[in-house]
All heavy atoms as atom14 arrays in JSON, in Angstrom:
{
  "sequence": "TGQSVSIVDEIDQLLISAIENKEYTIDDLRYQFTVRKLTISET",
  "atom14_mask": [
    [1, 1, 1, 1, 1, 1, 1, 0, 0, 0, 0, 0, 0, 0],
    [1, 1, 1, 1, 0, 0, 0, 0, 0, 0, 0, 0, 0, 0],
    [1, 1, 1, 1, 1, 1, 1, 1, 1, 0, 0, 0, 0, 0],
    [1, 1, 1, 1, 1, 1, 0, 0, 0, 0, 0, 0, 0, 0],
    [1, 1, 1, 1, 1, 1, 1, 0, 0, 0, 0, 0, 0, 0],
    [1, 1, 1, 1, 1, 1, 0, 0, 0, 0, 0, 0, 0, 0],
    [1, 1, 1, 1, 1, 1, 1, 1, 0, 0, 0, 0, 0, 0],
    [1, 1, 1, 1, 1, 1, 1, 0, 0, 0, 0, 0, 0, 0],
    [1, 1, 1, 1, 1, 1, 1, 1, 0, 0, 0, 0, 0, 0],
    [1, 1, 1, 1, 1, 1, 1, 1, 1, 0, 0, 0, 0, 0],
    [1, 1, 1, 1, 1, 1, 1, 1, 0, 0, 0, 0, 0, 0],
    [1, 1, 1, 1, 1, 1, 1, 1, 0, 0, 0, 0, 0, 0],
    [1, 1, 1, 1, 1, 1, 1, 1, 1, 0, 0, 0, 0, 0],
    [1, 1, 1, 1, 1, 1, 1, 1, 0, 0, 0, 0, 0, 0],
    [1, 1, 1, 1, 1, 1, 1, 1, 0, 0, 0, 0, 0, 0],
    [1, 1, 1, 1, 1, 1, 1, 1, 0, 0, 0, 0, 0, 0],
    [1, 1, 1, 1, 1, 1, 0, 0, 0, 0, 0, 0, 0, 0],
    [1, 1, 1, 1, 1, 0, 0, 0, 0, 0, 0, 0, 0, 0],
    [1, 1, 1, 1, 1, 1, 1, 1, 0, 0, 0, 0, 0, 0],
    [1, 1, 1, 1, 1, 1, 1, 1, 1, 0, 0, 0, 0, 0],
    [1, 1, 1, 1, 1, 1, 1, 1, 0, 0, 0, 0, 0, 0],
    [1, 1, 1, 1, 1, 1, 1, 1, 1, 0, 0, 0, 0, 0],
    [1, 1, 1, 1, 1, 1, 1, 1, 1, 0, 0, 0, 0, 0],
    [1, 1, 1, 1, 1, 1, 1, 1, 1, 1, 1, 1, 0, 0],
    [1, 1, 1, 1, 1, 1, 1, 0, 0, 0, 0, 0, 0, 0],
    [1, 1, 1, 1, 1, 1, 1, 1, 0, 0, 0, 0, 0, 0],
    [1, 1, 1, 1, 1, 1, 1, 1, 0, 0, 0, 0, 0, 0],
    [1, 1, 1, 1, 1, 1, 1, 1, 0, 0, 0, 0, 0, 0],
    [1, 1, 1, 1, 1, 1, 1, 1, 0, 0, 0, 0, 0, 0],
    [1, 1, 1, 1, 1, 1, 1, 1, 1, 1, 1, 0, 0, 0],
    [1, 1, 1, 1, 1, 1, 1, 1, 1, 1, 1, 1, 0, 0],
    [1, 1, 1, 1, 1, 1, 1, 1, 1, 0, 0, 0, 0, 0],
    [1, 1, 1, 1, 1, 1, 1, 1, 1, 1, 1, 0, 0, 0],
    [1, 1, 1, 1, 1, 1, 1, 0, 0, 0, 0, 0, 0, 0],
    [1, 1, 1, 1, 1, 1, 1, 0, 0, 0, 0, 0, 0, 0],
    [1, 1, 1, 1, 1, 1, 1, 1, 1, 1, 1, 0, 0, 0],
    [1, 1, 1, 1, 1, 1, 1, 1, 1, 0, 0, 0, 0, 0],
    [1, 1, 1, 1, 1, 1, 1, 1, 0, 0, 0, 0, 0, 0],
    [1, 1, 1, 1, 1, 1, 1, 0, 0, 0, 0, 0, 0, 0],
    [1, 1, 1, 1, 1, 1, 1, 1, 0, 0, 0, 0, 0, 0],
    [1, 1, 1, 1, 1, 1, 0, 0, 0, 0, 0, 0, 0, 0],
    [1, 1, 1, 1, 1, 1, 1, 1, 1, 0, 0, 0, 0, 0],
    [1, 1, 1, 1, 1, 1, 1, 0, 0, 0, 0, 0, 0, 0]
  ],
  "atom14_positions": [
    [[17.89, -5.08, -15.78], [17.43, -4.4, -17.1], [15.97, -4.66, -17.2], [15.46, -5.86, -17.22], [18.13, -5.02, -18.27], [19.57, -4.81, -18.03], [17.89, -4.25, -19.56], [0.0, 0.0, 0.0], [0.0, 0.0, 0.0], [0.0, 0.0, 0.0], [0.0, 0.0, 0.0], [0.0, 0.0, 0.0], [0.0, 0.0, 0.0], [0.0, 0.0, 0.0]],
    [[15.16, -3.62, -17.38], [13.72, -3.69, -17.53], [12.99, -3.61, -16.23], [11.74, -3.5, -16.22], [0.0, 0.0, 0.0], [0.0, 0.0, 0.0], [0.0, 0.0, 0.0], [0.0, 0.0, 0.0], [0.0, 0.0, 0.0], [0.0, 0.0, 0.0], [0.0, 0.0, 0.0], [0.0, 0.0, 0.0], [0.0, 0.0, 0.0], [0.0, 0.0, 0.0]],
    [[13.66, -3.49, -15.07], [13.13, -3.33, -13.88], [12.83, -1.78, -13.64], [13.44, -0.91, -14.27], [13.93, -3.8, -12.67], [14.24, -5.27, -12.63], [13.02, -6.05, -12.35], [12.21, -5.65, -11.52], [12.95, -7.12, -12.97], [0.0, 0.0, 0.0], [0.0, 0.0, 0.0], [0.0, 0.0, 0.0], [0.0, 0.0, 0.0], [0.0, 0.0, 0.0]],
    [[11.81, -1.5, -12.76], [11.46, -0.16, -12.52], [12.58, 0.54, -11.74], [13.4, -0.12, -10.91], [10.28, -0.05, -11.57], [10.05, 1.17, -11.18], [0.0, 0.0, 0.0], [0.0, 0.0, 0.0], [0.0, 0.0, 0.0], [0.0, 0.0, 0.0], [0.0, 0.0, 0.0], [0.0, 0.0, 0.0], [0.0, 0.0, 0.0], [0.0, 0.0, 0.0]],
    [[12.91, 1.84, -11.98], [13.88, 2.62, -11.37], [13.72, 2.58, -9.89], [14.73, 2.45, -9.06], [14.1, 3.97, -11.95], [15.06, 4.73, -11.18], [14.53, 3.93, -13.35], [0.0, 0.0, 0.0], [0.0, 0.0, 0.0], [0.0, 0.0, 0.0], [0.0, 0.0, 0.0], [0.0, 0.0, 0.0], [0.0, 0.0, 0.0], [0.0, 0.0, 0.0]],
    [[12.51, 2.58, -9.47], [12.23, 2.73, -7.98], [12.65, 1.3, -7.31], [13.18, 1.3, -6.17], [10.79, 3.05, -7.74], [9.97, 2.12, -8.26], [0.0, 0.0, 0.0], [0.0, 0.0, 0.0], [0.0, 0.0, 0.0], [0.0, 0.0, 0.0], [0.0, 0.0, 0.0], [0.0, 0.0, 0.0], [0.0, 0.0, 0.0], [0.0, 0.0, 0.0]],
    [[12.36, 0.26, -7.94], [12.77, -1.12, -7.38], [14.26, -1.22, -7.38], [14.78, -1.68, -6.34], [12.13, -2.16, -8.23], [10.59, -2.1, -8.03], [12.59, -3.42, -7.85], [9.94, -3.01, -9.03], [0.0, 0.0, 0.0], [0.0, 0.0, 0.0], [0.0, 0.0, 0.0], [0.0, 0.0, 0.0], [0.0, 0.0, 0.0], [0.0, 0.0, 0.0]],
    [[14.96, -0.78, -8.45], [16.45, -0.93, -8.47], [16.96, 0.05, -7.39], [17.97, -0.29, -6.77], [16.93, -0.56, -9.86], [18.38, -0.57, -9.8], [16.43, -1.53, -10.87], [0.0, 0.0, 0.0], [0.0, 0.0, 0.0], [0.0, 0.0, 0.0], [0.0, 0.0, 0.0], [0.0, 0.0, 0.0], [0.0, 0.0, 0.0], [0.0, 0.0, 0.0]],
    [[16.38, 1.12, -7.12], [16.91, 2.13, -6.12], [16.86, 1.4, -4.74], [17.62, 1.74, -3.82], [16.11, 3.4, -6.23], [16.77, 4.52, -5.36], [18.0, 4.4, -5.26], [15.95, 5.34, -4.79], [0.0, 0.0, 0.0], [0.0, 0.0, 0.0], [0.0, 0.0, 0.0], [0.0, 0.0, 0.0], [0.0, 0.0, 0.0], [0.0, 0.0, 0.0]],
    [[15.72, 0.68, -4.5], [15.64, -0.04, -3.26], [16.62, -1.13, -2.99], [17.06, -1.35, -1.85], [14.19, -0.54, -3.09], [13.13, 0.46, -2.98], [11.77, -0.12, -3.08], [11.6, -1.24, -3.0], [10.77, 0.62, -3.04], [0.0, 0.0, 0.0], [0.0, 0.0, 0.0], [0.0, 0.0, 0.0], [0.0, 0.0, 0.0], [0.0, 0.0, 0.0]],
    [[17.09, -1.68, -4.14], [18.01, -2.9, -3.9], [19.46, -2.45, -4.33], [20.39, -3.33, -4.71], [17.56, -4.0, -4.78], [17.47, -3.74, -6.21], [16.29, -4.58, -4.29], [17.41, -4.94, -7.11], [0.0, 0.0, 0.0], [0.0, 0.0, 0.0], [0.0, 0.0, 0.0], [0.0, 0.0, 0.0], [0.0, 0.0, 0.0], [0.0, 0.0, 0.0]],
    [[19.82, -1.14, -4.22], [21.21, -0.81, -4.56], [22.22, -1.4, -3.78], [23.3, -1.78, -4.21], [21.32, 0.78, -4.53], [21.01, 1.33, -3.17], [20.5, 0.64, -2.33], [21.43, 2.52, -2.92], [0.0, 0.0, 0.0], [0.0, 0.0, 0.0], [0.0, 0.0, 0.0], [0.0, 0.0, 0.0], [0.0, 0.0, 0.0], [0.0, 0.0, 0.0]],
    [[21.99, -1.6, -2.41], [23.05, -2.24, -1.62], [23.17, -3.76, -2.03], [24.25, -4.24, -1.97], [22.66, -2.29, -0.18], [22.73, -0.78, 0.46], [24.27, -0.36, 0.32], [25.18, -1.03, 0.54], [24.31, 0.96, 0.04], [0.0, 0.0, 0.0], [0.0, 0.0, 0.0], [0.0, 0.0, 0.0], [0.0, 0.0, 0.0], [0.0, 0.0, 0.0]],
    [[22.18, -4.4, -2.53], [22.22, -5.68, -3.0], [23.02, -5.83, -4.19], [23.83, -6.76, -4.42], [20.8, -6.33, -3.27], [20.77, -7.7, -3.7], [21.21, -8.67, -2.57], [19.32, -8.12, -3.96], [0.0, 0.0, 0.0], [0.0, 0.0, 0.0], [0.0, 0.0, 0.0], [0.0, 0.0, 0.0], [0.0, 0.0, 0.0], [0.0, 0.0, 0.0]],
    [[22.89, -4.82, -5.17], [23.65, -4.72, -6.31], [25.21, -4.59, -5.95], [26.01, -5.24, -6.56], [23.19, -3.57, -7.23], [21.87, -3.78, -7.95], [21.51, -2.5, -8.78], [21.96, -4.91, -8.79], [0.0, 0.0, 0.0], [0.0, 0.0, 0.0], [0.0, 0.0, 0.0], [0.0, 0.0, 0.0], [0.0, 0.0, 0.0], [0.0, 0.0, 0.0]],
    [[25.48, -3.72, -5.07], [26.73, -3.43, -4.73], [27.45, -4.7, -4.16], [28.55, -5.13, -4.48], [26.98, -2.25, -3.66], [26.52, -0.96, -4.42], [28.3, -2.15, -3.16], [26.38, 0.27, -3.5], [0.0, 0.0, 0.0], [0.0, 0.0, 0.0], [0.0, 0.0, 0.0], [0.0, 0.0, 0.0], [0.0, 0.0, 0.0], [0.0, 0.0, 0.0]],
    [[26.66, -5.36, -3.2], [27.17, -6.63, -2.63], [27.41, -7.69, -3.72], [28.35, -8.48, -3.59], [26.21, -7.15, -1.59], [26.08, -6.27, -0.45], [0.0, 0.0, 0.0], [0.0, 0.0, 0.0], [0.0, 0.0, 0.0], [0.0, 0.0, 0.0], [0.0, 0.0, 0.0], [0.0, 0.0, 0.0], [0.0, 0.0, 0.0], [0.0, 0.0, 0.0]],
    [[26.49, -7.8, -4.73], [26.53, -8.84, -5.71], [27.93, -8.59, -6.59], [28.56, -9.51, -6.88], [25.41, -8.75, -6.63], [0.0, 0.0, 0.0], [0.0, 0.0, 0.0], [0.0, 0.0, 0.0], [0.0, 0.0, 0.0], [0.0, 0.0, 0.0], [0.0, 0.0, 0.0], [0.0, 0.0, 0.0], [0.0, 0.0, 0.0], [0.0, 0.0, 0.0]],
    [[28.22, -7.38, -6.85], [29.41, -6.99, -7.59], [30.67, -7.21, -6.69], [31.69, -7.86, -7.19], [29.42, -5.61, -8.1], [28.29, -5.45, -9.15], [30.84, -5.22, -8.7], [27.99, -4.03, -9.55], [0.0, 0.0, 0.0], [0.0, 0.0, 0.0], [0.0, 0.0, 0.0], [0.0, 0.0, 0.0], [0.0, 0.0, 0.0], [0.0, 0.0, 0.0]],
    [[30.65, -6.72, -5.46], [31.91, -6.76, -4.64], [32.22, -8.16, -4.11], [33.27, -8.47, -3.86], [31.72, -5.82, -3.44], [31.83, -4.41, -3.87], [31.81, -3.49, -2.88], [31.4, -3.8, -1.66], [31.98, -2.27, -3.0], [0.0, 0.0, 0.0], [0.0, 0.0, 0.0], [0.0, 0.0, 0.0], [0.0, 0.0, 0.0], [0.0, 0.0, 0.0]],
    [[31.2, -9.03, -3.96], [31.43, -10.4, -3.4], [31.87, -11.36, -4.19], [31.92, -12.62, -3.8], [30.26, -10.77, -2.49], [30.05, -9.87, -1.28], [31.1, -9.28, -0.65], [28.83, -9.72, -0.73], [0.0, 0.0, 0.0], [0.0, 0.0, 0.0], [0.0, 0.0, 0.0], [0.0, 0.0, 0.0], [0.0, 0.0, 0.0], [0.0, 0.0, 0.0]],
    [[31.99, -11.14, -5.53], [32.19, -12.11, -6.52], [33.67, -11.96, -7.04], [34.11, -10.84, -7.26], [31.24, -12.18, -7.69], [31.48, -13.27, -8.63], [30.35, -13.5, -9.59], [30.54, -14.53, -10.63], [29.68, -14.59, -11.68], [0.0, 0.0, 0.0], [0.0, 0.0, 0.0], [0.0, 0.0, 0.0], [0.0, 0.0, 0.0], [0.0, 0.0, 0.0]],
    [[34.33, -12.96, -7.35], [35.63, -12.94, -7.96], [35.43, -13.23, -9.45], [34.85, -14.25, -9.85], [36.74, -13.9, -7.38], [37.11, -13.41, -5.87], [38.1, -14.41, -5.38], [38.39, -15.48, -6.1], [38.45, -14.15, -4.3], [0.0, 0.0, 0.0], [0.0, 0.0, 0.0], [0.0, 0.0, 0.0], [0.0, 0.0, 0.0], [0.0, 0.0, 0.0]],
    [[35.99, -12.49, -10.28], [35.93, -12.63, -11.81], [37.18, -13.1, -12.33], [38.29, -12.58, -12.08], [35.5, -11.37, -12.41], [34.14, -10.74, -11.89], [34.22, -9.81, -10.81], [33.0, -11.08, -12.45], [33.09, -9.31, -10.26], [31.75, -10.54, -11.9], [31.88, -9.73, -10.87], [30.75, -9.2, -10.4], [0.0, 0.0, 0.0], [0.0, 0.0, 0.0]],
    [[37.2, -14.26, -12.97], [38.43, -14.92, -13.47], [38.55, -14.8, -15.14], [37.61, -15.13, -15.71], [38.44, -16.44, -13.17], [38.25, -16.6, -11.81], [39.73, -17.1, -13.67], [0.0, 0.0, 0.0], [0.0, 0.0, 0.0], [0.0, 0.0, 0.0], [0.0, 0.0, 0.0], [0.0, 0.0, 0.0], [0.0, 0.0, 0.0], [0.0, 0.0, 0.0]],
    [[39.63, -14.24, -15.45], [39.97, -14.17, -16.94], [41.39, -14.51, -17.02], [42.31, -13.93, -16.35], [39.78, -12.73, -17.41], [38.29, -12.32, -17.41], [40.34, -12.58, -18.72], [37.91, -11.06, -18.01], [0.0, 0.0, 0.0], [0.0, 0.0, 0.0], [0.0, 0.0, 0.0], [0.0, 0.0, 0.0], [0.0, 0.0, 0.0], [0.0, 0.0, 0.0]],
    [[41.73, -15.41, -17.88], [43.15, -15.89, -18.28], [43.75, -16.28, -17.02], [45.02, -15.81, -16.77], [43.8, -14.83, -19.01], [43.27, -14.45, -20.32], [42.58, -15.42, -20.95], [43.42, -13.32, -20.78], [0.0, 0.0, 0.0], [0.0, 0.0, 0.0], [0.0, 0.0, 0.0], [0.0, 0.0, 0.0], [0.0, 0.0, 0.0], [0.0, 0.0, 0.0]],
    [[43.32, -17.09, -16.11], [43.85, -17.56, -14.87], [44.18, -16.48, -13.94], [44.93, -16.62, -12.96], [45.15, -18.37, -15.17], [44.79, -19.61, -16.06], [43.59, -20.14, -15.87], [45.72, -20.05, -16.81], [0.0, 0.0, 0.0], [0.0, 0.0, 0.0], [0.0, 0.0, 0.0], [0.0, 0.0, 0.0], [0.0, 0.0, 0.0], [0.0, 0.0, 0.0]],
    [[43.66, -15.26, -14.1], [43.91, -14.14, -13.05], [42.59, -13.79, -12.51], [41.54, -13.89, -13.27], [44.53, -12.98, -13.74], [45.88, -13.04, -14.1], [46.32, -11.77, -14.85], [46.79, -13.17, -12.98], [0.0, 0.0, 0.0], [0.0, 0.0, 0.0], [0.0, 0.0, 0.0], [0.0, 0.0, 0.0], [0.0, 0.0, 0.0], [0.0, 0.0, 0.0]],
    [[42.54, -13.69, -11.18], [41.2, -13.4, -10.51], [41.13, -11.86, -10.1], [42.23, -11.43, -9.68], [41.06, -14.28, -9.25], [40.9, -15.71, -9.66], [40.79, -16.58, -8.48], [41.83, -16.42, -7.59], [41.85, -16.82, -6.26], [40.85, -17.49, -5.82], [42.92, -16.65, -5.56], [0.0, 0.0, 0.0], [0.0, 0.0, 0.0], [0.0, 0.0, 0.0]],
    [[40.03, -11.26, -10.41], [39.84, -9.92, -10.13], [38.73, -9.67, -9.11], [37.74, -10.5, -9.27], [39.64, -9.11, -11.34], [40.73, -9.17, -12.32], [40.6, -10.16, -13.33], [41.77, -8.29, -12.28], [41.69, -10.18, -14.28], [42.8, -8.34, -13.16], [42.75, -9.31, -14.21], [43.8, -9.42, -15.13], [0.0, 0.0, 0.0], [0.0, 0.0, 0.0]],
    [[38.89, -8.67, -8.3], [37.66, -8.4, -7.42], [37.41, -6.86, -7.53], [38.48, -6.08, -7.72], [37.98, -8.73, -6.02], [36.84, -8.83, -5.01], [37.12, -9.48, -3.73], [38.22, -9.69, -3.46], [36.05, -9.9, -3.01], [0.0, 0.0, 0.0], [0.0, 0.0, 0.0], [0.0, 0.0, 0.0], [0.0, 0.0, 0.0], [0.0, 0.0, 0.0]],
    [[36.38, -6.34, -7.37], [35.96, -5.02, -7.63], [35.46, -4.37, -6.33], [34.72, -5.08, -5.47], [34.92, -4.9, -8.69], [35.39, -5.26, -10.02], [34.91, -6.51, -10.57], [36.26, -4.45, -10.71], [35.47, -6.81, -11.91], [36.79, -4.86, -11.99], [36.23, -6.1, -12.48], [0.0, 0.0, 0.0], [0.0, 0.0, 0.0], [0.0, 0.0, 0.0]],
    [[35.66, -3.08, -6.19], [34.95, -2.19, -5.24], [34.25, -1.17, -5.85], [34.69, -0.43, -6.83], [36.08, -1.62, -4.41], [36.96, -2.56, -3.83], [35.48, -0.69, -3.23], [0.0, 0.0, 0.0], [0.0, 0.0, 0.0], [0.0, 0.0, 0.0], [0.0, 0.0, 0.0], [0.0, 0.0, 0.0], [0.0, 0.0, 0.0], [0.0, 0.0, 0.0]],
    [[32.9, -1.11, -5.5], [32.03, -0.01, -6.1], [32.48, 1.26, -5.56], [32.22, 1.53, -4.4], [30.58, -0.43, -6.01], [29.66, 0.61, -6.6], [30.26, -1.78, -6.59], [0.0, 0.0, 0.0], [0.0, 0.0, 0.0], [0.0, 0.0, 0.0], [0.0, 0.0, 0.0], [0.0, 0.0, 0.0], [0.0, 0.0, 0.0], [0.0, 0.0, 0.0]],
    [[32.85, 2.26, -6.4], [33.07, 3.64, -5.95], [31.85, 4.47, -6.09], [31.65, 5.4, -5.29], [34.24, 4.21, -6.78], [35.55, 3.65, -6.55], [35.99, 3.96, -5.17], [37.12, 3.15, -4.78], [37.32, 2.71, -3.58], [36.6, 3.07, -2.55], [38.38, 1.94, -3.24], [0.0, 0.0, 0.0], [0.0, 0.0, 0.0], [0.0, 0.0, 0.0]],
    [[31.08, 4.14, -7.09], [29.92, 5.12, -7.29], [28.88, 4.27, -8.14], [29.16, 3.57, -9.05], [30.25, 6.45, -8.08], [29.16, 7.33, -8.18], [29.7, 8.63, -8.91], [28.61, 9.62, -9.15], [29.0, 10.83, -9.78], [0.0, 0.0, 0.0], [0.0, 0.0, 0.0], [0.0, 0.0, 0.0], [0.0, 0.0, 0.0], [0.0, 0.0, 0.0]],
    [[27.53, 4.5, -7.66], [26.46, 3.82, -8.41], [25.39, 4.87, -8.67], [24.86, 5.48, -7.68], [25.98, 2.62, -7.6], [24.77, 1.89, -7.98], [25.12, 1.17, -9.29], [24.18, 0.95, -7.05], [0.0, 0.0, 0.0], [0.0, 0.0, 0.0], [0.0, 0.0, 0.0], [0.0, 0.0, 0.0], [0.0, 0.0, 0.0], [0.0, 0.0, 0.0]],
    [[25.1, 5.09, -9.97], [24.03, 6.07, -10.23], [22.96, 5.28, -10.92], [23.12, 4.59, -11.83], [24.59, 7.11, -11.3], [25.79, 7.68, -10.74], [23.6, 8.14, -11.59], [0.0, 0.0, 0.0], [0.0, 0.0, 0.0], [0.0, 0.0, 0.0], [0.0, 0.0, 0.0], [0.0, 0.0, 0.0], [0.0, 0.0, 0.0], [0.0, 0.0, 0.0]],
    [[21.73, 5.51, -10.33], [20.55, 4.78, -10.75], [19.59, 5.73, -11.48], [19.0, 6.59, -10.9], [19.82, 3.98, -9.75], [20.84, 2.98, -9.08], [18.63, 3.29, -10.17], [20.34, 2.34, -7.82], [0.0, 0.0, 0.0], [0.0, 0.0, 0.0], [0.0, 0.0, 0.0], [0.0, 0.0, 0.0], [0.0, 0.0, 0.0], [0.0, 0.0, 0.0]],
    [[19.29, 5.57, -12.83], [18.29, 6.23, -13.54], [17.9, 5.22, -14.63], [18.08, 4.04, -14.47], [18.83, 7.56, -13.98], [19.88, 7.32, -14.82], [0.0, 0.0, 0.0], [0.0, 0.0, 0.0], [0.0, 0.0, 0.0], [0.0, 0.0, 0.0], [0.0, 0.0, 0.0], [0.0, 0.0, 0.0], [0.0, 0.0, 0.0], [0.0, 0.0, 0.0]],
    [[17.36, 5.76, -15.83], [17.26, 4.79, -16.92], [18.58, 4.17, -17.32], [18.57, 3.09, -17.75], [16.72, 5.57, -18.1], [15.26, 6.11, -17.9], [14.7, 6.76, -19.08], [15.15, 6.43, -20.25], [13.8, 7.52, -19.01], [0.0, 0.0, 0.0], [0.0, 0.0, 0.0], [0.0, 0.0, 0.0], [0.0, 0.0, 0.0], [0.0, 0.0, 0.0]],
    [[19.66, 4.77, -17.12], [21.02, 4.33, -17.4], [21.59, 4.08, -15.98], [21.86, 5.09, -15.27], [21.89, 5.2, -18.21], [21.28, 5.42, -19.34], [23.22, 4.62, -18.43], [0.0, 0.0, 0.0], [0.0, 0.0, 0.0], [0.0, 0.0, 0.0], [0.0, 0.0, 0.0], [0.0, 0.0, 0.0], [0.0, 0.0, 0.0], [0.0, 0.0, 0.0]]
  ]
}
């Protein structure tokens, strides 16, 4: 947030890896995500 769109566009694989390689724990259940689509603009 606050980074230039061009910079974020260059590190899109890093964002995908950061999301996919982490396990998220809620209420003693662990979840893992696979990124299906990533759209980079102001949003």
